[in-house]
Amino acid sequence: MSAKLSGPMLAPKSGGQPNHAVVLLHGYGSDGADLIGLAPHWQDILSDALFVSPNAPEACRVNAAGYQWFDIDYEGDRLASRQMGVVQARPVLVEFLNDLWRQTGVTPQHTILAGFSQGAMMALHVGLSLPEPLMGIIAFSGAFLPAEGFAEGTFARQPVCLVHGDMDPVVDPELSADADVALRLAGYDVAYHVSPGVGHGIAPDGLAFASAFIARQLEK
């Protein structure tokens, strides 16, 4: 996949050069303009952070106005399509992250990788298979699809925040519960929150939980 990712970005609220970066990965059929809306909620916590929300590399098959990280097989094996999809989309996101770090001077250790739904699947798959640890990974309404080699424990470890609505009809909430168990067993520091009565979206309590997670990472 040779496409270069681009999308909305917000400069640090401090007005200075960025010392942190927050990369926001949107869901299926959406675009970067959607998830960049999380930035104002976190700019006071990370006033020196550059926020960037790239559009996924492919036009969405069912919504021409949006983008997809990978196609969804609604009539076949959805799990298999996700497993294949994250692997195929991984290189373009890794290239984007490496370009971001090289161009800004921000390090992986000062980078938050966050995503919603399909973007959360990408954040977990890619973020947990990098050679250097990130500041943290935040996955809203997602699922963990391990990269090859994860079971061997050879990848860098970083803290992970999982948030999911318990009434989600699109991505089964049990997938985040499963991710919590798998990552804890593998030795990861996991913060896991279930938003009661919430469907496929980010509720105020889930956003507050993720905000507190970011604040904790700054204290380390």
Foldseek 3Di string as FASTA:
>chain_A
DPDAWADDKDAAQVPDAAQAEEEEEEAAFAAQVVRCVLVVVQNVLRRRYMYGYTFADAQHPVHNVHGHLFHADPPDDRVVRLLVSLVVSQVNVVVNVVVVCVVRVHDQQRYEYEYAASSLQNQQQNQQADQEHHLEYEYELYAHNHDPPVVVVRHDAYEYEYEYECAAPPRHPVRSVVVVVVQVVSPHHYHYYYDYPDYRDQDPVNSVSVSVVSNVSVVD
